Structures are given as structure tokens and as C-alpha cells.
N, C-alpha and C. Protein backbone atom coordinates (compact mmCIF):
# COMPACT_ATOMS: atom_id res chain seq x y z
N MET A 1 -13.88 5.52 7.40
CA MET A 1 -12.91 4.48 7.69
C MET A 1 -11.55 4.92 7.14
N ARG A 2 -10.53 4.83 7.98
CA ARG A 2 -9.16 5.17 7.58
C ARG A 2 -8.32 3.90 7.72
N LEU A 3 -7.91 3.38 6.58
CA LEU A 3 -7.27 2.07 6.53
C LEU A 3 -5.93 2.13 5.81
N ILE A 4 -5.09 1.15 6.14
CA ILE A 4 -3.86 0.90 5.39
C ILE A 4 -3.94 -0.56 4.94
N MET A 5 -3.55 -0.80 3.68
CA MET A 5 -3.43 -2.16 3.16
C MET A 5 -1.94 -2.42 2.99
N MET A 6 -1.44 -3.47 3.68
CA MET A 6 -0.01 -3.79 3.61
C MET A 6 0.19 -5.22 3.13
N GLY A 7 1.42 -5.51 2.79
CA GLY A 7 1.83 -6.83 2.34
C GLY A 7 2.95 -6.65 1.35
N PRO A 8 3.68 -7.72 1.10
CA PRO A 8 4.80 -7.60 0.17
C PRO A 8 4.33 -7.29 -1.25
N PRO A 9 5.22 -6.76 -2.09
CA PRO A 9 4.84 -6.49 -3.48
C PRO A 9 4.29 -7.76 -4.12
N GLY A 10 3.13 -7.64 -4.77
CA GLY A 10 2.52 -8.78 -5.44
C GLY A 10 1.54 -9.56 -4.59
N ALA A 11 1.29 -9.10 -3.36
CA ALA A 11 0.38 -9.81 -2.45
C ALA A 11 -1.08 -9.63 -2.84
N GLY A 12 -1.35 -8.68 -3.73
CA GLY A 12 -2.73 -8.42 -4.13
C GLY A 12 -3.33 -7.20 -3.46
N LYS A 13 -2.47 -6.34 -2.90
CA LYS A 13 -2.96 -5.15 -2.20
C LYS A 13 -3.80 -4.25 -3.09
N GLY A 14 -3.32 -3.98 -4.28
CA GLY A 14 -4.03 -3.08 -5.19
C GLY A 14 -5.39 -3.61 -5.57
N THR A 15 -5.45 -4.88 -5.88
CA THR A 15 -6.72 -5.52 -6.23
C THR A 15 -7.69 -5.44 -5.07
N GLN A 16 -7.25 -5.83 -3.89
CA GLN A 16 -8.12 -5.82 -2.72
C GLN A 16 -8.48 -4.41 -2.29
N ALA A 17 -7.55 -3.47 -2.43
CA ALA A 17 -7.81 -2.08 -2.03
C ALA A 17 -9.01 -1.52 -2.78
N LYS A 18 -9.11 -1.84 -4.08
CA LYS A 18 -10.24 -1.33 -4.87
C LYS A 18 -11.57 -1.84 -4.32
N PHE A 19 -11.64 -3.13 -4.00
CA PHE A 19 -12.89 -3.71 -3.48
C PHE A 19 -13.24 -3.14 -2.11
N VAL A 20 -12.24 -3.03 -1.24
CA VAL A 20 -12.47 -2.55 0.12
C VAL A 20 -12.88 -1.07 0.09
N ALA A 21 -12.18 -0.26 -0.71
CA ALA A 21 -12.50 1.16 -0.81
C ALA A 21 -13.92 1.36 -1.34
N GLU A 22 -14.27 0.60 -2.36
CA GLU A 22 -15.63 0.70 -2.92
C GLU A 22 -16.67 0.32 -1.86
N HIS A 23 -16.40 -0.73 -1.12
CA HIS A 23 -17.31 -1.21 -0.08
C HIS A 23 -17.59 -0.12 0.97
N PHE A 24 -16.54 0.63 1.35
CA PHE A 24 -16.68 1.65 2.38
C PHE A 24 -16.94 3.05 1.81
N GLY A 25 -16.94 3.18 0.48
CA GLY A 25 -17.19 4.48 -0.13
C GLY A 25 -16.08 5.49 0.11
N ILE A 26 -14.84 5.02 0.10
CA ILE A 26 -13.67 5.87 0.32
C ILE A 26 -12.69 5.68 -0.83
N PRO A 27 -11.83 6.66 -1.09
CA PRO A 27 -10.86 6.48 -2.17
C PRO A 27 -9.73 5.52 -1.78
N ALA A 28 -9.31 4.71 -2.74
CA ALA A 28 -8.11 3.88 -2.59
C ALA A 28 -6.96 4.72 -3.12
N ILE A 29 -6.00 4.99 -2.27
CA ILE A 29 -4.87 5.84 -2.64
C ILE A 29 -3.63 4.97 -2.74
N SER A 30 -3.18 4.74 -3.98
CA SER A 30 -2.03 3.89 -4.23
C SER A 30 -0.84 4.74 -4.65
N THR A 31 0.20 4.70 -3.84
CA THR A 31 1.40 5.46 -4.21
C THR A 31 2.00 4.90 -5.50
N GLY A 32 1.93 3.59 -5.69
CA GLY A 32 2.46 3.00 -6.91
C GLY A 32 1.78 3.54 -8.16
N ASP A 33 0.44 3.64 -8.12
CA ASP A 33 -0.30 4.18 -9.26
C ASP A 33 0.08 5.64 -9.52
N ILE A 34 0.21 6.40 -8.43
CA ILE A 34 0.56 7.82 -8.58
C ILE A 34 1.98 7.95 -9.16
N PHE A 35 2.90 7.13 -8.67
CA PHE A 35 4.27 7.15 -9.22
C PHE A 35 4.26 6.80 -10.70
N ARG A 36 3.56 5.70 -11.07
CA ARG A 36 3.54 5.26 -12.47
C ARG A 36 2.92 6.32 -13.38
N ALA A 37 1.87 7.01 -12.90
CA ALA A 37 1.24 8.07 -13.69
C ALA A 37 2.24 9.21 -13.93
N ASN A 38 2.97 9.58 -12.88
CA ASN A 38 3.96 10.65 -13.02
C ASN A 38 5.09 10.24 -13.96
N VAL A 39 5.50 8.97 -13.90
CA VAL A 39 6.56 8.48 -14.78
C VAL A 39 6.09 8.54 -16.23
N SER A 40 4.87 8.05 -16.49
CA SER A 40 4.37 8.02 -17.87
C SER A 40 4.15 9.42 -18.43
N GLU A 41 3.84 10.38 -17.54
CA GLU A 41 3.64 11.77 -17.97
C GLU A 41 4.95 12.55 -18.02
N GLY A 42 6.03 11.96 -17.50
CA GLY A 42 7.34 12.61 -17.55
C GLY A 42 7.45 13.83 -16.64
N THR A 43 6.67 13.87 -15.56
CA THR A 43 6.75 15.00 -14.63
C THR A 43 8.09 14.96 -13.89
N PRO A 44 8.52 16.09 -13.30
CA PRO A 44 9.76 16.08 -12.52
C PRO A 44 9.72 15.02 -11.40
N LEU A 45 8.56 14.89 -10.73
CA LEU A 45 8.41 13.87 -9.70
C LEU A 45 8.58 12.48 -10.31
N GLY A 46 7.99 12.28 -11.48
CA GLY A 46 8.08 10.99 -12.16
C GLY A 46 9.50 10.63 -12.56
N VAL A 47 10.25 11.62 -13.06
CA VAL A 47 11.64 11.38 -13.45
C VAL A 47 12.45 10.95 -12.23
N GLU A 48 12.25 11.65 -11.11
CA GLU A 48 12.98 11.32 -9.89
C GLU A 48 12.56 9.94 -9.38
N ALA A 49 11.26 9.69 -9.34
CA ALA A 49 10.74 8.42 -8.83
C ALA A 49 11.22 7.24 -9.67
N LYS A 50 11.29 7.43 -10.99
CA LYS A 50 11.65 6.34 -11.90
C LYS A 50 13.04 5.77 -11.60
N LYS A 51 13.97 6.63 -11.23
CA LYS A 51 15.33 6.16 -10.92
C LYS A 51 15.30 5.12 -9.80
N PHE A 52 14.51 5.40 -8.78
CA PHE A 52 14.42 4.49 -7.64
C PHE A 52 13.60 3.25 -7.98
N MET A 53 12.48 3.45 -8.69
CA MET A 53 11.59 2.34 -9.04
C MET A 53 12.33 1.32 -9.92
N ASP A 54 13.09 1.80 -10.90
CA ASP A 54 13.81 0.90 -11.80
C ASP A 54 14.84 0.05 -11.08
N ALA A 55 15.34 0.54 -9.95
CA ALA A 55 16.33 -0.20 -9.17
C ALA A 55 15.67 -1.07 -8.10
N GLY A 56 14.33 -1.00 -8.00
CA GLY A 56 13.61 -1.76 -6.98
C GLY A 56 13.72 -1.15 -5.59
N GLU A 57 14.10 0.13 -5.55
CA GLU A 57 14.24 0.84 -4.28
C GLU A 57 12.99 1.67 -4.02
N TYR A 58 12.81 2.10 -2.76
CA TYR A 58 11.70 2.97 -2.41
C TYR A 58 12.01 4.41 -2.85
N VAL A 59 10.97 5.11 -3.27
CA VAL A 59 11.09 6.54 -3.59
C VAL A 59 11.31 7.26 -2.25
N PRO A 60 12.18 8.28 -2.20
CA PRO A 60 12.48 8.95 -0.94
C PRO A 60 11.25 9.49 -0.21
N ASP A 61 11.33 9.47 1.12
CA ASP A 61 10.22 9.89 1.97
C ASP A 61 9.71 11.29 1.64
N GLU A 62 10.62 12.25 1.40
CA GLU A 62 10.18 13.63 1.18
C GLU A 62 9.19 13.71 0.02
N VAL A 63 9.49 13.00 -1.05
CA VAL A 63 8.63 13.01 -2.24
C VAL A 63 7.31 12.31 -1.93
N THR A 64 7.41 11.15 -1.32
CA THR A 64 6.22 10.35 -1.04
C THR A 64 5.31 11.03 -0.02
N ASN A 65 5.88 11.56 1.07
CA ASN A 65 5.08 12.21 2.11
C ASN A 65 4.27 13.37 1.56
N LYS A 66 4.90 14.21 0.75
CA LYS A 66 4.21 15.37 0.19
C LYS A 66 3.05 14.92 -0.69
N MET A 67 3.30 13.90 -1.49
CA MET A 67 2.28 13.40 -2.39
C MET A 67 1.08 12.85 -1.61
N VAL A 68 1.34 12.09 -0.56
CA VAL A 68 0.26 11.50 0.24
C VAL A 68 -0.50 12.60 0.99
N ARG A 69 0.21 13.55 1.57
CA ARG A 69 -0.46 14.64 2.30
C ARG A 69 -1.41 15.39 1.36
N ASN A 70 -0.93 15.71 0.17
CA ASN A 70 -1.79 16.42 -0.80
C ASN A 70 -3.02 15.59 -1.15
N ARG A 71 -2.83 14.30 -1.29
CA ARG A 71 -3.95 13.45 -1.72
C ARG A 71 -4.99 13.28 -0.61
N ILE A 72 -4.57 13.08 0.63
CA ILE A 72 -5.58 12.87 1.69
C ILE A 72 -6.24 14.18 2.11
N ASP A 73 -5.71 15.31 1.64
CA ASP A 73 -6.35 16.61 1.88
C ASP A 73 -7.46 16.89 0.86
N GLU A 74 -7.58 16.06 -0.17
CA GLU A 74 -8.62 16.29 -1.18
C GLU A 74 -9.99 15.96 -0.60
N PRO A 75 -11.04 16.64 -1.10
CA PRO A 75 -12.39 16.49 -0.53
C PRO A 75 -12.92 15.05 -0.47
N ASP A 76 -12.61 14.22 -1.47
CA ASP A 76 -13.16 12.85 -1.45
C ASP A 76 -12.57 11.99 -0.34
N ALA A 77 -11.46 12.44 0.25
CA ALA A 77 -10.83 11.66 1.33
C ALA A 77 -11.27 12.14 2.72
N GLN A 78 -12.16 13.13 2.78
CA GLN A 78 -12.63 13.62 4.08
C GLN A 78 -13.30 12.53 4.92
N PRO A 79 -14.19 11.69 4.31
CA PRO A 79 -14.83 10.65 5.11
C PRO A 79 -13.90 9.46 5.43
N GLY A 80 -12.75 9.44 4.80
CA GLY A 80 -11.81 8.35 5.03
C GLY A 80 -11.05 8.01 3.77
N PHE A 81 -10.17 7.01 3.87
CA PHE A 81 -9.34 6.61 2.74
C PHE A 81 -8.73 5.26 3.04
N LEU A 82 -8.23 4.64 1.99
CA LEU A 82 -7.46 3.40 2.12
C LEU A 82 -6.12 3.65 1.44
N LEU A 83 -5.05 3.52 2.21
CA LEU A 83 -3.70 3.72 1.67
C LEU A 83 -3.10 2.37 1.26
N ASP A 84 -2.59 2.32 0.05
CA ASP A 84 -1.95 1.12 -0.49
C ASP A 84 -0.55 1.51 -0.91
N GLY A 85 0.45 0.99 -0.20
CA GLY A 85 1.84 1.32 -0.53
C GLY A 85 2.43 2.42 0.33
N TYR A 86 1.70 2.83 1.34
CA TYR A 86 2.17 3.88 2.25
C TYR A 86 1.48 3.67 3.58
N PRO A 87 2.19 3.75 4.69
CA PRO A 87 3.63 4.01 4.84
C PRO A 87 4.45 2.75 4.59
N ARG A 88 5.70 2.98 4.24
CA ARG A 88 6.63 1.87 4.01
C ARG A 88 7.82 1.89 4.95
N THR A 89 7.98 2.98 5.68
CA THR A 89 9.11 3.10 6.61
C THR A 89 8.60 3.64 7.94
N LEU A 90 9.40 3.48 9.00
CA LEU A 90 9.01 3.99 10.31
C LEU A 90 8.86 5.50 10.30
N ALA A 91 9.71 6.19 9.53
CA ALA A 91 9.60 7.65 9.43
C ALA A 91 8.27 8.04 8.78
N GLN A 92 7.81 7.27 7.80
CA GLN A 92 6.53 7.55 7.16
C GLN A 92 5.36 7.28 8.11
N VAL A 93 5.50 6.31 9.02
CA VAL A 93 4.46 6.06 10.03
C VAL A 93 4.27 7.32 10.87
N GLU A 94 5.37 7.90 11.32
CA GLU A 94 5.30 9.11 12.13
C GLU A 94 4.66 10.26 11.34
N GLU A 95 5.05 10.40 10.09
CA GLU A 95 4.50 11.45 9.23
C GLU A 95 2.99 11.26 9.06
N LEU A 96 2.57 10.03 8.79
CA LEU A 96 1.14 9.73 8.61
C LEU A 96 0.37 9.98 9.89
N ASP A 97 0.93 9.59 11.04
CA ASP A 97 0.27 9.85 12.33
C ASP A 97 -0.05 11.34 12.46
N GLY A 98 0.91 12.18 12.10
CA GLY A 98 0.70 13.63 12.17
C GLY A 98 -0.36 14.11 11.20
N MET A 99 -0.35 13.58 9.98
CA MET A 99 -1.36 13.97 8.98
C MET A 99 -2.77 13.65 9.46
N ILE A 100 -2.93 12.44 10.01
CA ILE A 100 -4.27 11.99 10.42
C ILE A 100 -4.72 12.70 11.70
N SER A 101 -3.82 12.84 12.68
CA SER A 101 -4.22 13.50 13.92
C SER A 101 -4.58 14.96 13.68
N PHE A 102 -3.97 15.58 12.67
CA PHE A 102 -4.28 16.96 12.31
C PHE A 102 -5.76 17.10 11.91
N THR A 103 -6.34 16.03 11.36
CA THR A 103 -7.75 16.05 10.94
C THR A 103 -8.69 15.70 12.08
N GLY A 104 -8.15 15.34 13.25
CA GLY A 104 -8.98 14.98 14.38
C GLY A 104 -9.42 13.53 14.39
N HIS A 105 -8.82 12.74 13.53
CA HIS A 105 -9.17 11.32 13.43
C HIS A 105 -7.97 10.46 13.84
N SER A 106 -8.15 9.16 13.73
CA SER A 106 -7.04 8.23 13.94
C SER A 106 -7.17 7.12 12.90
N LEU A 107 -6.11 6.36 12.78
CA LEU A 107 -6.12 5.21 11.87
C LEU A 107 -7.01 4.13 12.47
N ASP A 108 -7.92 3.58 11.67
CA ASP A 108 -8.88 2.59 12.18
C ASP A 108 -8.34 1.17 12.15
N ALA A 109 -7.64 0.80 11.07
CA ALA A 109 -7.11 -0.56 10.97
C ALA A 109 -6.01 -0.63 9.92
N VAL A 110 -5.14 -1.61 10.10
CA VAL A 110 -4.10 -1.93 9.14
C VAL A 110 -4.29 -3.39 8.76
N VAL A 111 -4.61 -3.63 7.48
CA VAL A 111 -4.81 -4.98 6.98
C VAL A 111 -3.53 -5.44 6.30
N VAL A 112 -2.99 -6.57 6.76
CA VAL A 112 -1.78 -7.14 6.16
C VAL A 112 -2.16 -8.43 5.45
N LEU A 113 -1.87 -8.48 4.15
CA LEU A 113 -2.09 -9.70 3.38
C LEU A 113 -0.85 -10.56 3.49
N THR A 114 -1.02 -11.80 3.93
CA THR A 114 0.10 -12.73 4.04
C THR A 114 0.04 -13.69 2.86
N VAL A 115 1.17 -13.85 2.17
CA VAL A 115 1.26 -14.73 1.01
C VAL A 115 2.61 -15.44 0.97
N ASP A 116 2.68 -16.51 0.22
CA ASP A 116 3.90 -17.28 0.04
C ASP A 116 4.86 -16.52 -0.89
N ALA A 117 6.13 -16.43 -0.52
CA ALA A 117 7.12 -15.65 -1.29
C ALA A 117 7.25 -16.14 -2.73
N ASP A 118 7.28 -17.45 -2.94
CA ASP A 118 7.41 -17.96 -4.31
C ASP A 118 6.18 -17.63 -5.14
N GLU A 119 5.02 -17.64 -4.51
CA GLU A 119 3.77 -17.28 -5.19
C GLU A 119 3.84 -15.83 -5.66
N ILE A 120 4.44 -14.97 -4.83
CA ILE A 120 4.57 -13.55 -5.19
C ILE A 120 5.40 -13.40 -6.46
N VAL A 121 6.54 -14.08 -6.53
CA VAL A 121 7.39 -13.97 -7.71
C VAL A 121 6.62 -14.41 -8.96
N GLN A 122 5.90 -15.52 -8.86
CA GLN A 122 5.10 -15.99 -10.00
C GLN A 122 4.05 -14.96 -10.41
N ARG A 123 3.34 -14.41 -9.43
CA ARG A 123 2.30 -13.40 -9.72
C ARG A 123 2.89 -12.20 -10.45
N LEU A 124 4.01 -11.69 -9.95
CA LEU A 124 4.57 -10.47 -10.52
C LEU A 124 5.18 -10.70 -11.90
N VAL A 125 5.80 -11.82 -12.10
CA VAL A 125 6.35 -12.12 -13.43
C VAL A 125 5.20 -12.24 -14.43
N GLN A 126 4.12 -12.89 -14.02
CA GLN A 126 2.95 -13.04 -14.88
C GLN A 126 2.31 -11.67 -15.16
N ARG A 127 2.17 -10.85 -14.12
CA ARG A 127 1.58 -9.51 -14.28
C ARG A 127 2.43 -8.68 -15.23
N ALA A 128 3.76 -8.78 -15.11
CA ALA A 128 4.65 -8.02 -15.98
C ALA A 128 4.42 -8.38 -17.43
N ALA A 129 4.24 -9.67 -17.71
CA ALA A 129 4.00 -10.12 -19.08
C ALA A 129 2.67 -9.60 -19.62
N VAL A 130 1.63 -9.68 -18.78
CA VAL A 130 0.29 -9.26 -19.20
C VAL A 130 0.20 -7.75 -19.38
N GLU A 131 0.76 -7.00 -18.43
CA GLU A 131 0.62 -5.55 -18.43
C GLU A 131 1.80 -4.82 -19.08
N GLY A 132 2.82 -5.55 -19.49
CA GLY A 132 3.98 -4.93 -20.11
C GLY A 132 4.74 -4.02 -19.15
N ARG A 133 4.84 -4.44 -17.90
CA ARG A 133 5.52 -3.62 -16.89
C ARG A 133 7.01 -3.97 -16.85
N ALA A 134 7.81 -3.08 -17.43
CA ALA A 134 9.25 -3.31 -17.52
C ALA A 134 9.92 -3.32 -16.15
N ASP A 135 9.26 -2.73 -15.13
CA ASP A 135 9.89 -2.66 -13.80
C ASP A 135 9.74 -3.97 -13.03
N ASP A 136 9.07 -4.97 -13.59
CA ASP A 136 8.84 -6.22 -12.88
C ASP A 136 9.68 -7.38 -13.41
N THR A 137 11.02 -7.20 -13.45
CA THR A 137 11.90 -8.31 -13.77
C THR A 137 12.09 -9.14 -12.50
N GLU A 138 12.51 -10.39 -12.64
CA GLU A 138 12.67 -11.25 -11.46
C GLU A 138 13.67 -10.67 -10.47
N ASP A 139 14.79 -10.12 -10.97
CA ASP A 139 15.79 -9.52 -10.06
C ASP A 139 15.21 -8.35 -9.28
N VAL A 140 14.45 -7.49 -9.96
CA VAL A 140 13.85 -6.34 -9.30
C VAL A 140 12.80 -6.80 -8.29
N ILE A 141 12.03 -7.82 -8.64
CA ILE A 141 11.01 -8.38 -7.73
C ILE A 141 11.68 -8.89 -6.45
N ARG A 142 12.75 -9.65 -6.61
CA ARG A 142 13.44 -10.19 -5.43
C ARG A 142 14.05 -9.06 -4.59
N ARG A 143 14.57 -8.02 -5.25
CA ARG A 143 15.11 -6.88 -4.50
C ARG A 143 14.00 -6.18 -3.74
N ARG A 144 12.82 -6.03 -4.37
CA ARG A 144 11.68 -5.40 -3.68
C ARG A 144 11.30 -6.20 -2.44
N GLN A 145 11.37 -7.52 -2.55
CA GLN A 145 11.05 -8.36 -1.39
C GLN A 145 12.05 -8.11 -0.26
N GLU A 146 13.33 -7.98 -0.62
CA GLU A 146 14.35 -7.70 0.39
C GLU A 146 14.11 -6.34 1.05
N VAL A 147 13.80 -5.33 0.23
CA VAL A 147 13.55 -3.99 0.76
C VAL A 147 12.32 -4.02 1.67
N TYR A 148 11.29 -4.73 1.27
CA TYR A 148 10.07 -4.86 2.09
C TYR A 148 10.43 -5.48 3.45
N ALA A 149 11.20 -6.57 3.43
CA ALA A 149 11.57 -7.24 4.67
C ALA A 149 12.39 -6.32 5.58
N GLU A 150 13.30 -5.56 4.98
CA GLU A 150 14.17 -4.68 5.77
C GLU A 150 13.43 -3.47 6.32
N GLN A 151 12.63 -2.82 5.48
CA GLN A 151 12.10 -1.50 5.84
C GLN A 151 10.63 -1.51 6.25
N THR A 152 9.82 -2.40 5.68
CA THR A 152 8.38 -2.32 5.91
C THR A 152 7.88 -3.31 6.94
N GLU A 153 8.44 -4.52 6.99
CA GLU A 153 7.97 -5.49 7.98
C GLU A 153 8.00 -4.96 9.41
N PRO A 154 8.99 -4.11 9.78
CA PRO A 154 8.97 -3.56 11.15
C PRO A 154 7.69 -2.76 11.46
N LEU A 155 7.03 -2.20 10.45
CA LEU A 155 5.80 -1.45 10.65
C LEU A 155 4.68 -2.36 11.16
N ILE A 156 4.71 -3.61 10.76
CA ILE A 156 3.68 -4.57 11.20
C ILE A 156 3.67 -4.64 12.72
N GLU A 157 4.85 -4.69 13.32
CA GLU A 157 4.93 -4.77 14.78
C GLU A 157 4.44 -3.48 15.44
N VAL A 158 4.72 -2.33 14.82
CA VAL A 158 4.24 -1.05 15.35
C VAL A 158 2.71 -1.07 15.43
N TYR A 159 2.07 -1.48 14.33
CA TYR A 159 0.61 -1.47 14.30
C TYR A 159 0.02 -2.60 15.16
N ARG A 160 0.73 -3.71 15.28
CA ARG A 160 0.28 -4.79 16.17
C ARG A 160 0.27 -4.28 17.61
N SER A 161 1.32 -3.53 17.99
CA SER A 161 1.40 -3.02 19.37
C SER A 161 0.30 -1.99 19.65
N ARG A 162 -0.22 -1.35 18.61
CA ARG A 162 -1.31 -0.38 18.77
C ARG A 162 -2.68 -1.07 18.79
N GLY A 163 -2.69 -2.37 18.50
CA GLY A 163 -3.95 -3.12 18.52
C GLY A 163 -4.84 -2.90 17.31
N ILE A 164 -4.27 -2.42 16.19
CA ILE A 164 -5.09 -2.17 15.01
C ILE A 164 -4.69 -3.03 13.80
N LEU A 165 -3.80 -4.00 14.03
CA LEU A 165 -3.34 -4.86 12.94
C LEU A 165 -4.30 -6.02 12.72
N ILE A 166 -4.63 -6.26 11.46
CA ILE A 166 -5.47 -7.40 11.07
C ILE A 166 -4.72 -8.17 9.99
N GLU A 167 -4.35 -9.42 10.30
CA GLU A 167 -3.65 -10.24 9.31
C GLU A 167 -4.67 -11.11 8.59
N VAL A 168 -4.59 -11.10 7.25
CA VAL A 168 -5.53 -11.85 6.41
C VAL A 168 -4.73 -12.71 5.44
N ASP A 169 -5.11 -13.98 5.32
CA ASP A 169 -4.49 -14.88 4.36
C ASP A 169 -4.80 -14.38 2.96
N GLY A 170 -3.75 -14.00 2.22
CA GLY A 170 -3.92 -13.46 0.87
C GLY A 170 -3.85 -14.50 -0.23
N MET A 171 -3.81 -15.77 0.13
CA MET A 171 -3.73 -16.84 -0.87
C MET A 171 -5.14 -17.29 -1.26
N GLY A 172 -5.28 -17.73 -2.51
CA GLY A 172 -6.56 -18.26 -2.98
C GLY A 172 -7.25 -17.32 -3.95
N GLU A 173 -8.51 -17.61 -4.19
CA GLU A 173 -9.30 -16.81 -5.12
C GLU A 173 -9.47 -15.38 -4.60
N VAL A 174 -9.48 -14.42 -5.52
CA VAL A 174 -9.61 -13.01 -5.16
C VAL A 174 -10.86 -12.78 -4.32
N SER A 175 -11.99 -13.36 -4.72
CA SER A 175 -13.25 -13.14 -3.99
C SER A 175 -13.18 -13.71 -2.58
N ASP A 176 -12.47 -14.82 -2.39
CA ASP A 176 -12.33 -15.40 -1.05
C ASP A 176 -11.50 -14.48 -0.14
N VAL A 177 -10.43 -13.93 -0.70
CA VAL A 177 -9.58 -13.02 0.07
C VAL A 177 -10.38 -11.77 0.43
N THR A 178 -11.14 -11.24 -0.53
CA THR A 178 -11.98 -10.06 -0.27
C THR A 178 -12.95 -10.33 0.88
N GLN A 179 -13.59 -11.49 0.87
CA GLN A 179 -14.55 -11.82 1.92
C GLN A 179 -13.86 -11.93 3.28
N ARG A 180 -12.64 -12.50 3.30
CA ARG A 180 -11.89 -12.58 4.56
C ARG A 180 -11.61 -11.18 5.12
N ILE A 181 -11.28 -10.25 4.22
CA ILE A 181 -11.00 -8.87 4.65
C ILE A 181 -12.28 -8.24 5.20
N PHE A 182 -13.39 -8.36 4.48
CA PHE A 182 -14.66 -7.79 4.95
C PHE A 182 -15.03 -8.36 6.31
N ASP A 183 -14.89 -9.67 6.47
CA ASP A 183 -15.23 -10.31 7.74
C ASP A 183 -14.37 -9.75 8.88
N ALA A 184 -13.06 -9.56 8.59
CA ALA A 184 -12.14 -9.04 9.61
C ALA A 184 -12.45 -7.59 9.97
N LEU A 185 -12.93 -6.81 9.00
CA LEU A 185 -13.20 -5.39 9.24
C LEU A 185 -14.58 -5.14 9.85
N ASP A 186 -15.43 -6.16 9.91
CA ASP A 186 -16.77 -6.00 10.50
C ASP A 186 -16.73 -5.47 11.91
N ASP A 187 -15.72 -5.84 12.68
CA ASP A 187 -15.65 -5.48 14.09
C ASP A 187 -14.86 -4.19 14.37
N VAL A 188 -14.39 -3.52 13.30
CA VAL A 188 -13.57 -2.33 13.48
C VAL A 188 -14.46 -1.11 13.72
N THR A 189 -14.14 -0.35 14.75
CA THR A 189 -14.84 0.89 15.06
C THR A 189 -14.16 2.03 14.30
N GLN A 190 -14.94 2.83 13.60
CA GLN A 190 -14.38 3.92 12.83
C GLN A 190 -14.15 5.15 13.71
N SER A 191 -13.04 5.86 13.43
CA SER A 191 -12.72 7.06 14.22
C SER A 191 -13.57 8.24 13.79
């Protein structure tokens, strides 16, 4: 199964990605986790990524594309993968299409979690307090929402036009949202 999990920052993509990936026996590949690991380790990629992350901006495509290509080429991603946080731009959609078609497969489904904008701000402010995430100030959260609306929401229409978009209500208990995703993916044919 080759999946993308989409939704605005704070929609619960990372949480749901872990459950869905485990269910299908595929790795959950989160660009956010990879960026944060590089930042905490002080790698050159991390230093570059941190400048953009701290401003609530997207890390440039060149950096992100290379990182994703390297990750989906790893042996555990051969049977499939779930991408969380990628693609975020139309240029990244084209890049991902090339990566996947090179393997002889296609993208099976794109799951979009829909949530209330005010709920997202509350979730992220709370998460920042619990996890000590300095990058989750209210101003940065609101900027991320703006960037998502400008750059990522257009991808939803691309995948809708391809007939592989699945919209799932991301509000409510985590287990309820997980079950909605599983139910929606029951009918998906794997490439």
C-alpha cells in the first residue's frame, strides 16, 4: 500500500499515520520527524531546515525531495509506505509521481483529515506545552495554517481529480478517527 496522509498542521496526521502504517505493515515516513531529528543532531540539513521551520515556512523542495527519495528507496519501503507531510507543493507532487512510477507502482490513496481550524490551534498549543516544542507558538501555528491553505490545499484537488482522494473527519476520539480511516481504506486496491 502506498499512501499519503494529508491535513493541516495539528490535524492528527502523525498519530493516525502510525496506526495506519502498522495496520498495513509499512513504514510511516514523516518529513517533520526527519527534520526535527536533523535539527536536534545539528546536521547541515537540520541547520538549513531549522531556519524555515522556526519561521513557520516549508523547507525548500530540493532538500525535502532528496530526503524522501532516499527514504522510500530503503528496503522496508519496498512493499509500500505512508507519507506524512509530503508532498506539500504541486512541484513535490510531480517529483513524487516520478519516484513512485520509477518503482513500477502508483499511489494507492490520499487520506485527508478534515478538522476545525480553532481546534487545530488548541491542539498545537497544548502539544507544544506537553512536548516542549518551541516551534509551536500561536503565531507560527497560524502562519503554518496560511502556508497550508496557500500551497498544500491545491494538492487535494489534484488527487481528487485522479480519483484517489479519501476525506475523513479528523474530529473526535483518536480510535474513532482511526476506524474511519480503516473503513475508508477497505475498498482501496493496492498497486
